[in-house]
Amino acid sequence: MAPTVLITGASQGIGKATALLFARKGYDLVLTSLNIDTLQAVAQEVQNLGSAAPLIVTCDVRNPSEVNTLMQKALEYYR
């Protein structure tokens, strides 16, 4: 099993660049941001690099219940 990284703000800028870097290094990814459309585009870029499909979850990290849901989904997906 590959190591897993969770990246917030993964739909653009530093978050997106970080996601692509970890994908190139073979990590499993959990990507989150507020915009599902841009997350899906980043997920496609990750797959185009030959990586497995990442888990994508919309999440407002300022909301504790959304963060709890994010963590629950990530743990279920990669167990």
PDB file of N, CA and C in Angstrom:
ATOM      1  N   MET A   1       0.845  -1.177   0.000  1.00  0.00           N
ATOM      2  CA  MET A   1       0.000   0.000   0.000  1.00  0.00           C
ATOM      3  C   MET A   1       0.892   1.243   0.000  1.00  0.00           C
ATOM      4  N   ALA A   2       0.579   2.181  -0.874  1.00  0.00           N
ATOM      5  CA  ALA A   2       1.343   3.429  -0.976  1.00  0.00           C
ATOM      6  C   ALA A   2       1.001   4.355   0.189  1.00  0.00           C
ATOM      7  N   PRO A   3       1.924   5.228   0.552  1.00  0.00           N
ATOM      8  CA  PRO A   3       1.589   6.233   1.556  1.00  0.00           C
ATOM      9  C   PRO A   3       0.497   7.150   1.007  1.00  0.00           C
ATOM     10  N   THR A   4      -0.268   7.721   1.903  1.00  0.00           N
ATOM     11  CA  THR A   4      -1.387   8.570   1.517  1.00  0.00           C
ATOM     12  C   THR A   4      -1.184   9.979   2.044  1.00  0.00           C
ATOM     13  N   VAL A   5      -1.552  10.961   1.222  1.00  0.00           N
ATOM     14  CA  VAL A   5      -1.468  12.358   1.633  1.00  0.00           C
ATOM     15  C   VAL A   5      -2.816  13.027   1.375  1.00  0.00           C
ATOM     16  N   LEU A   6      -3.230  13.859   2.307  1.00  0.00           N
ATOM     17  CA  LEU A   6      -4.454  14.636   2.182  1.00  0.00           C
ATOM     18  C   LEU A   6      -4.043  16.083   1.923  1.00  0.00           C
ATOM     19  N   ILE A   7      -4.577  16.656   0.848  1.00  0.00           N
ATOM     20  CA  ILE A   7      -4.204  18.012   0.452  1.00  0.00           C
ATOM     21  C   ILE A   7      -5.448  18.882   0.407  1.00  0.00           C
ATOM     22  N   THR A   8      -5.447  19.933   1.222  1.00  0.00           N
ATOM     23  CA  THR A   8      -6.535  20.909   1.195  1.00  0.00           C
ATOM     24  C   THR A   8      -6.189  21.988   0.179  1.00  0.00           C
ATOM     25  N   GLY A   9      -7.215  22.611  -0.378  1.00  0.00           N
ATOM     26  CA  GLY A   9      -6.975  23.635  -1.393  1.00  0.00           C
ATOM     27  C   GLY A   9      -6.353  23.051  -2.640  1.00  0.00           C
ATOM     28  N   ALA A  10      -6.707  21.810  -2.963  1.00  0.00           N
ATOM     29  CA  ALA A  10      -6.046  21.069  -4.036  1.00  0.00           C
ATOM     30  C   ALA A  10      -6.502  21.453  -5.438  1.00  0.00           C
ATOM     31  N   SER A  11      -7.447  22.350  -5.561  1.00  0.00           N
ATOM     32  CA  SER A  11      -7.986  22.653  -6.885  1.00  0.00           C
ATOM     33  C   SER A  11      -7.197  23.699  -7.652  1.00  0.00           C
ATOM     34  N   GLN A  12      -6.269  24.390  -6.977  1.00  0.00           N
ATOM     35  CA  GLN A  12      -5.509  25.420  -7.688  1.00  0.00           C
ATOM     36  C   GLN A  12      -4.237  25.783  -6.923  1.00  0.00           C
ATOM     37  N   GLY A  13      -3.380  26.519  -7.571  1.00  0.00           N
ATOM     38  CA  GLY A  13      -2.194  27.072  -6.934  1.00  0.00           C
ATOM     39  C   GLY A  13      -1.281  26.039  -6.300  1.00  0.00           C
ATOM     40  N   ILE A  14      -0.811  26.365  -5.103  1.00  0.00           N
ATOM     41  CA  ILE A  14       0.133  25.504  -4.391  1.00  0.00           C
ATOM     42  C   ILE A  14      -0.475  24.139  -4.090  1.00  0.00           C
ATOM     43  N   GLY A  15      -1.766  24.101  -3.740  1.00  0.00           N
ATOM     44  CA  GLY A  15      -2.412  22.826  -3.455  1.00  0.00           C
ATOM     45  C   GLY A  15      -2.415  21.900  -4.661  1.00  0.00           C
ATOM     46  N   LYS A  16      -2.732  22.446  -5.824  1.00  0.00           N
ATOM     47  CA  LYS A  16      -2.729  21.651  -7.054  1.00  0.00           C
ATOM     48  C   LYS A  16      -1.314  21.182  -7.378  1.00  0.00           C
ATOM     49  N   ALA A  17      -0.341  22.079  -7.288  1.00  0.00           N
ATOM     50  CA  ALA A  17       1.047  21.714  -7.570  1.00  0.00           C
ATOM     51  C   ALA A  17       1.519  20.621  -6.616  1.00  0.00           C
ATOM     52  N   THR A  18       1.124  20.720  -5.366  1.00  0.00           N
ATOM     53  CA  THR A  18       1.493  19.707  -4.373  1.00  0.00           C
ATOM     54  C   THR A  18       0.867  18.362  -4.720  1.00  0.00           C
ATOM     55  N   ALA A  19      -0.392  18.387  -5.121  1.00  0.00           N
ATOM     56  CA  ALA A  19      -1.075  17.151  -5.504  1.00  0.00           C
ATOM     57  C   ALA A  19      -0.362  16.476  -6.671  1.00  0.00           C
ATOM     58  N   LEU A  20       0.007  17.250  -7.679  1.00  0.00           N
ATOM     59  CA  LEU A  20       0.685  16.672  -8.840  1.00  0.00           C
ATOM     60  C   LEU A  20       2.068  16.141  -8.473  1.00  0.00           C
ATOM     61  N   LEU A  21       2.761  16.828  -7.591  1.00  0.00           N
ATOM     62  CA  LEU A  21       4.068  16.362  -7.132  1.00  0.00           C
ATOM     63  C   LEU A  21       3.950  15.017  -6.408  1.00  0.00           C
ATOM     64  N   PHE A  22       3.016  14.924  -5.466  1.00  0.00           N
ATOM     65  CA  PHE A  22       2.844  13.671  -4.735  1.00  0.00           C
ATOM     66  C   PHE A  22       2.359  12.552  -5.655  1.00  0.00           C
ATOM     67  N   ALA A  23       1.537  12.885  -6.653  1.00  0.00           N
ATOM     68  CA  ALA A  23       1.098  11.869  -7.613  1.00  0.00           C
ATOM     69  C   ALA A  23       2.293  11.312  -8.379  1.00  0.00           C
ATOM     70  N   ARG A  24       3.200  12.187  -8.805  1.00  0.00           N
ATOM     71  CA  ARG A  24       4.398  11.742  -9.524  1.00  0.00           C
ATOM     72  C   ARG A  24       5.276  10.843  -8.650  1.00  0.00           C
ATOM     73  N   LYS A  25       5.219  11.040  -7.341  1.00  0.00           N
ATOM     74  CA  LYS A  25       6.024  10.256  -6.406  1.00  0.00           C
ATOM     75  C   LYS A  25       5.337   8.954  -5.988  1.00  0.00           C
ATOM     76  N   GLY A  26       4.102   8.718  -6.492  1.00  0.00           N
ATOM     77  CA  GLY A  26       3.419   7.453  -6.244  1.00  0.00           C
ATOM     78  C   GLY A  26       2.520   7.402  -5.022  1.00  0.00           C
ATOM     79  N   TYR A  27       2.217   8.542  -4.434  1.00  0.00           N
ATOM     80  CA  TYR A  27       1.350   8.568  -3.257  1.00  0.00           C
ATOM     81  C   TYR A  27      -0.107   8.378  -3.650  1.00  0.00           C
ATOM     82  N   ASP A  28      -0.901   7.806  -2.745  1.00  0.00           N
ATOM     83  CA  ASP A  28      -2.355   7.846  -2.854  1.00  0.00           C
ATOM     84  C   ASP A  28      -2.784   9.220  -2.367  1.00  0.00           C
ATOM     85  N   LEU A  29      -3.805   9.777  -2.993  1.00  0.00           N
ATOM     86  CA  LEU A  29      -4.195  11.154  -2.696  1.00  0.00           C
ATOM     87  C   LEU A  29      -5.637  11.276  -2.235  1.00  0.00           C
ATOM     88  N   VAL A  30      -5.836  12.161  -1.278  1.00  0.00           N
ATOM     89  CA  VAL A  30      -7.151  12.658  -0.890  1.00  0.00           C
ATOM     90  C   VAL A  30      -7.091  14.149  -1.175  1.00  0.00           C
ATOM     91  N   LEU A  31      -7.922  14.603  -2.101  1.00  0.00           N
ATOM     92  CA  LEU A  31      -7.912  16.002  -2.512  1.00  0.00           C
ATOM     93  C   LEU A  31      -9.198  16.679  -2.085  1.00  0.00           C
ATOM     94  N   THR A  32      -9.065  17.873  -1.535  1.00  0.00           N
ATOM     95  CA  THR A  32     -10.241  18.599  -1.097  1.00  0.00           C
ATOM     96  C   THR A  32     -10.119  20.081  -1.413  1.00  0.00           C
ATOM     97  N   SER A  33     -11.260  20.687  -1.680  1.00  0.00           N
ATOM     98  CA  SER A  33     -11.402  22.133  -1.832  1.00  0.00           C
ATOM     99  C   SER A  33     -12.907  22.404  -1.826  1.00  0.00           C
ATOM    100  N   LEU A  34     -13.260  23.636  -2.093  1.00  0.00           N
ATOM    101  CA  LEU A  34     -14.677  23.992  -2.104  1.00  0.00           C
ATOM    102  C   LEU A  34     -15.350  23.742  -3.455  1.00  0.00           C
ATOM    103  N   ASN A  35     -14.569  23.591  -4.516  1.00  0.00           N
ATOM    104  CA  ASN A  35     -15.126  23.518  -5.864  1.00  0.00           C
ATOM    105  C   ASN A  35     -14.939  22.127  -6.459  1.00  0.00           C
ATOM    106  N   ILE A  36     -16.025  21.404  -6.637  1.00  0.00           N
ATOM    107  CA  ILE A  36     -15.964  20.031  -7.154  1.00  0.00           C
ATOM    108  C   ILE A  36     -15.486  19.994  -8.597  1.00  0.00           C
ATOM    109  N   ASP A  37     -15.858  20.969  -9.415  1.00  0.00           N
ATOM    110  CA  ASP A  37     -15.462  20.946 -10.827  1.00  0.00           C
ATOM    111  C   ASP A  37     -13.950  21.036 -10.990  1.00  0.00           C
ATOM    112  N   THR A  38     -13.324  21.946 -10.264  1.00  0.00           N
ATOM    113  CA  THR A  38     -11.870  22.069 -10.377  1.00  0.00           C
ATOM    114  C   THR A  38     -11.170  20.878  -9.736  1.00  0.00           C
ATOM    115  N   LEU A  39     -11.749  20.326  -8.685  1.00  0.00           N
ATOM    116  CA  LEU A  39     -11.178  19.106  -8.083  1.00  0.00           C
ATOM    117  C   LEU A  39     -11.196  17.950  -9.076  1.00  0.00           C
ATOM    118  N   GLN A  40     -12.285  17.822  -9.811  1.00  0.00           N
ATOM    119  CA  GLN A  40     -12.381  16.750 -10.799  1.00  0.00           C
ATOM    120  C   GLN A  40     -11.341  16.934 -11.899  1.00  0.00           C
ATOM    121  N   ALA A  41     -11.075  18.176 -12.279  1.00  0.00           N
ATOM    122  CA  ALA A  41     -10.055  18.440 -13.294  1.00  0.00           C
ATOM    123  C   ALA A  41      -8.665  18.056 -12.786  1.00  0.00           C
ATOM    124  N   VAL A  42      -8.369  18.374 -11.539  1.00  0.00           N
ATOM    125  CA  VAL A  42      -7.080  17.993 -10.953  1.00  0.00           C
ATOM    126  C   VAL A  42      -6.987  16.473 -10.844  1.00  0.00           C
ATOM    127  N   ALA A  43      -8.075  15.840 -10.451  1.00  0.00           N
ATOM    128  CA  ALA A  43      -8.084  14.376 -10.359  1.00  0.00           C
ATOM    129  C   ALA A  43      -7.771  13.754 -11.721  1.00  0.00           C
ATOM    130  N   GLN A  44      -8.295  14.331 -12.774  1.00  0.00           N
ATOM    131  CA  GLN A  44      -8.004  13.822 -14.122  1.00  0.00           C
ATOM    132  C   GLN A  44      -6.527  14.016 -14.466  1.00  0.00           C
ATOM    133  N   GLU A  45      -5.963  15.158 -14.095  1.00  0.00           N
ATOM    134  CA  GLU A  45      -4.528  15.381 -14.323  1.00  0.00           C
ATOM    135  C   GLU A  45      -3.688  14.349 -13.575  1.00  0.00           C
ATOM    136  N   VAL A  46      -4.091  14.037 -12.353  1.00  0.00           N
ATOM    137  CA  VAL A  46      -3.394  13.028 -11.553  1.00  0.00           C
ATOM    138  C   VAL A  46      -3.430  11.681 -12.273  1.00  0.00           C
ATOM    139  N   GLN A  47      -4.588  11.309 -12.770  1.00  0.00           N
ATOM    140  CA  GLN A  47      -4.721  10.037 -13.470  1.00  0.00           C
ATOM    141  C   GLN A  47      -3.929  10.039 -14.772  1.00  0.00           C
ATOM    142  N   ASN A  48      -3.851  11.190 -15.444  1.00  0.00           N
ATOM    143  CA  ASN A  48      -3.076  11.291 -16.677  1.00  0.00           C
ATOM    144  C   ASN A  48      -1.585  11.059 -16.429  1.00  0.00           C
ATOM    145  N   LEU A  49      -1.152  11.272 -15.189  1.00  0.00           N
ATOM    146  CA  LEU A  49       0.239  11.005 -14.824  1.00  0.00           C
ATOM    147  C   LEU A  49       0.478   9.516 -14.569  1.00  0.00           C
ATOM    148  N   GLY A  50      -0.591   8.721 -14.605  1.00  0.00           N
ATOM    149  CA  GLY A  50      -0.474   7.291 -14.373  1.00  0.00           C
ATOM    150  C   GLY A  50      -0.779   6.874 -12.949  1.00  0.00           C
ATOM    151  N   SER A  51      -1.223   7.808 -12.140  1.00  0.00           N
ATOM    152  CA  SER A  51      -1.557   7.501 -10.750  1.00  0.00           C
ATOM    153  C   SER A  51      -2.979   6.978 -10.642  1.00  0.00           C
ATOM    154  N   ALA A  52      -3.238   6.330  -9.520  1.00  0.00           N
ATOM    155  CA  ALA A  52      -4.592   5.856  -9.234  1.00  0.00           C
ATOM    156  C   ALA A  52      -5.519   7.051  -9.033  1.00  0.00           C
ATOM    157  N   ALA A  53      -6.794   6.813  -9.255  1.00  0.00           N
ATOM    158  CA  ALA A  53      -7.781   7.876  -9.056  1.00  0.00           C
ATOM    159  C   ALA A  53      -7.768   8.329  -7.600  1.00  0.00           C
ATOM    160  N   PRO A  54      -7.608   9.618  -7.373  1.00  0.00           N
ATOM    161  CA  PRO A  54      -7.624  10.099  -5.996  1.00  0.00           C
ATOM    162  C   PRO A  54      -9.043  10.186  -5.467  1.00  0.00           C
ATOM    163  N   LEU A  55      -9.165  10.169  -4.161  1.00  0.00           N
ATOM    164  CA  LEU A  55     -10.445  10.471  -3.528  1.00  0.00           C
ATOM    165  C   LEU A  55     -10.591  11.982  -3.537  1.00  0.00           C
ATOM    166  N   ILE A  56     -11.703  12.477  -4.057  1.00  0.00           N
ATOM    167  CA  ILE A  56     -11.961  13.911  -4.026  1.00  0.00           C
ATOM    168  C   ILE A  56     -13.208  14.173  -3.189  1.00  0.00           C
ATOM    169  N   VAL A  57     -13.102  15.162  -2.322  1.00  0.00           N
ATOM    170  CA  VAL A  57     -14.191  15.491  -1.402  1.00  0.00           C
ATOM    171  C   VAL A  57     -14.253  17.010  -1.268  1.00  0.00           C
ATOM    172  N   THR A  58     -15.425  17.582  -1.489  1.00  0.00           N
ATOM    173  CA  THR A  58     -15.556  19.003  -1.203  1.00  0.00           C
ATOM    174  C   THR A  58     -15.638  19.184   0.303  1.00  0.00           C
ATOM    175  N   CYS A  59     -14.955  20.217   0.781  1.00  0.00           N
ATOM    176  CA  CYS A  59     -14.903  20.424   2.225  1.00  0.00           C
ATOM    177  C   CYS A  59     -14.508  21.862   2.516  1.00  0.00           C
ATOM    178  N   ASP A  60     -15.232  22.468   3.430  1.00  0.00           N
ATOM    179  CA  ASP A  60     -14.853  23.763   3.981  1.00  0.00           C
ATOM    180  C   ASP A  60     -14.129  23.463   5.290  1.00  0.00           C
ATOM    181  N   VAL A  61     -12.818  23.625   5.296  1.00  0.00           N
ATOM    182  CA  VAL A  61     -12.033  23.224   6.462  1.00  0.00           C
ATOM    183  C   VAL A  61     -12.295  24.104   7.678  1.00  0.00           C
ATOM    184  N   ARG A  62     -13.076  25.161   7.519  1.00  0.00           N
ATOM    185  CA  ARG A  62     -13.478  25.981   8.663  1.00  0.00           C
ATOM    186  C   ARG A  62     -14.646  25.368   9.417  1.00  0.00           C
ATOM    187  N   ASN A  63     -15.252  24.318   8.829  1.00  0.00           N
ATOM    188  CA  ASN A  63     -16.424  23.678   9.409  1.00  0.00           C
ATOM    189  C   ASN A  63     -16.024  22.314   9.989  1.00  0.00           C
ATOM    190  N   PRO A  64     -15.987  22.187  11.318  1.00  0.00           N
ATOM    191  CA  PRO A  64     -15.539  20.928  11.928  1.00  0.00           C
ATOM    192  C   PRO A  64     -16.316  19.692  11.475  1.00  0.00           C
ATOM    193  N   SER A  65     -17.614  19.813  11.263  1.00  0.00           N
ATOM    194  CA  SER A  65     -18.372  18.624  10.853  1.00  0.00           C
ATOM    195  C   SER A  65     -17.984  18.189   9.438  1.00  0.00           C
ATOM    196  N   GLU A  66     -17.668  19.136   8.558  1.00  0.00           N
ATOM    197  CA  GLU A  66     -17.211  18.781   7.218  1.00  0.00           C
ATOM    198  C   GLU A  66     -15.829  18.129   7.271  1.00  0.00           C
ATOM    199  N   VAL A  67     -14.971  18.608   8.140  1.00  0.00           N
ATOM    200  CA  VAL A  67     -13.646  18.007   8.304  1.00  0.00           C
ATOM    201  C   VAL A  67     -13.784  16.583   8.839  1.00  0.00           C
ATOM    202  N   ASN A  68     -14.683  16.365   9.790  1.00  0.00           N
ATOM    203  CA  ASN A  68     -14.921  15.007  10.300  1.00  0.00           C
ATOM    204  C   ASN A  68     -15.405  14.084   9.197  1.00  0.00           C
ATOM    205  N   THR A  69     -16.309  14.575   8.363  1.00  0.00           N
ATOM    206  CA  THR A  69     -16.804  13.774   7.239  1.00  0.00           C
ATOM    207  C   THR A  69     -15.678  13.464   6.268  1.00  0.00           C
ATOM    208  N   LEU A  70     -14.851  14.461   5.981  1.00  0.00           N
ATOM    209  CA  LEU A  70     -13.692  14.265   5.101  1.00  0.00           C
ATOM    210  C   LEU A  70     -12.793  13.154   5.629  1.00  0.00           C
ATOM    211  N   MET A  71     -12.464  13.218   6.895  1.00  0.00           N
ATOM    212  CA  MET A  71     -11.574  12.224   7.487  1.00  0.00           C
ATOM    213  C   MET A  71     -12.199  10.831   7.461  1.00  0.00           C
ATOM    214  N   GLN A  72     -13.490  10.750   7.751  1.00  0.00           N
ATOM    215  CA  GLN A  72     -14.184   9.461   7.726  1.00  0.00           C
ATOM    216  C   GLN A  72     -14.141   8.856   6.308  1.00  0.00           C
ATOM    217  N   LYS A  73     -14.411   9.674   5.300  1.00  0.00           N
ATOM    218  CA  LYS A  73     -14.377   9.189   3.923  1.00  0.00           C
ATOM    219  C   LYS A  73     -12.975   8.739   3.520  1.00  0.00           C
ATOM    220  N   ALA A  74     -11.966   9.511   3.930  1.00  0.00           N
ATOM    221  CA  ALA A  74     -10.588   9.159   3.590  1.00  0.00           C
ATOM    222  C   ALA A  74     -10.192   7.834   4.224  1.00  0.00           C
ATOM    223  N   LEU A  75     -10.541   7.636   5.479  1.00  0.00           N
ATOM    224  CA  LEU A  75     -10.195   6.396   6.165  1.00  0.00           C
ATOM    225  C   LEU A  75     -10.910   5.196   5.542  1.00  0.00           C
ATOM    226  N   GLU A  76     -12.163   5.380   5.171  1.00  0.00           N
ATOM    227  CA  GLU A  76     -12.919   4.293   4.542  1.00  0.00           C
ATOM    228  C   GLU A  76     -12.353   3.959   3.167  1.00  0.00           C
ATOM    229  N   TYR A  77     -11.975   4.963   2.410  1.00  0.00           N
ATOM    230  CA  TYR A  77     -11.507   4.785   1.038  1.00  0.00           C
ATOM    231  C   TYR A  77     -10.174   4.044   0.984  1.00  0.00           C
ATOM    232  N   TYR A  78      -9.292   4.341   1.928  1.00  0.00           N
ATOM    233  CA  TYR A  78      -7.943   3.780   1.868  1.00  0.00           C
ATOM    234  C   TYR A  78      -7.666   2.688   2.893  1.00  0.00           C
ATOM    235  N   ARG A  79      -8.694   2.106   3.469  1.00  0.00           N
ATOM    236  CA  ARG A  79      -8.487   0.965   4.376  1.00  0.00           C
ATOM    237  C   ARG A  79      -8.485  -0.315   3.630  1.00  0.00           C
TER     238      ARG A  79
END
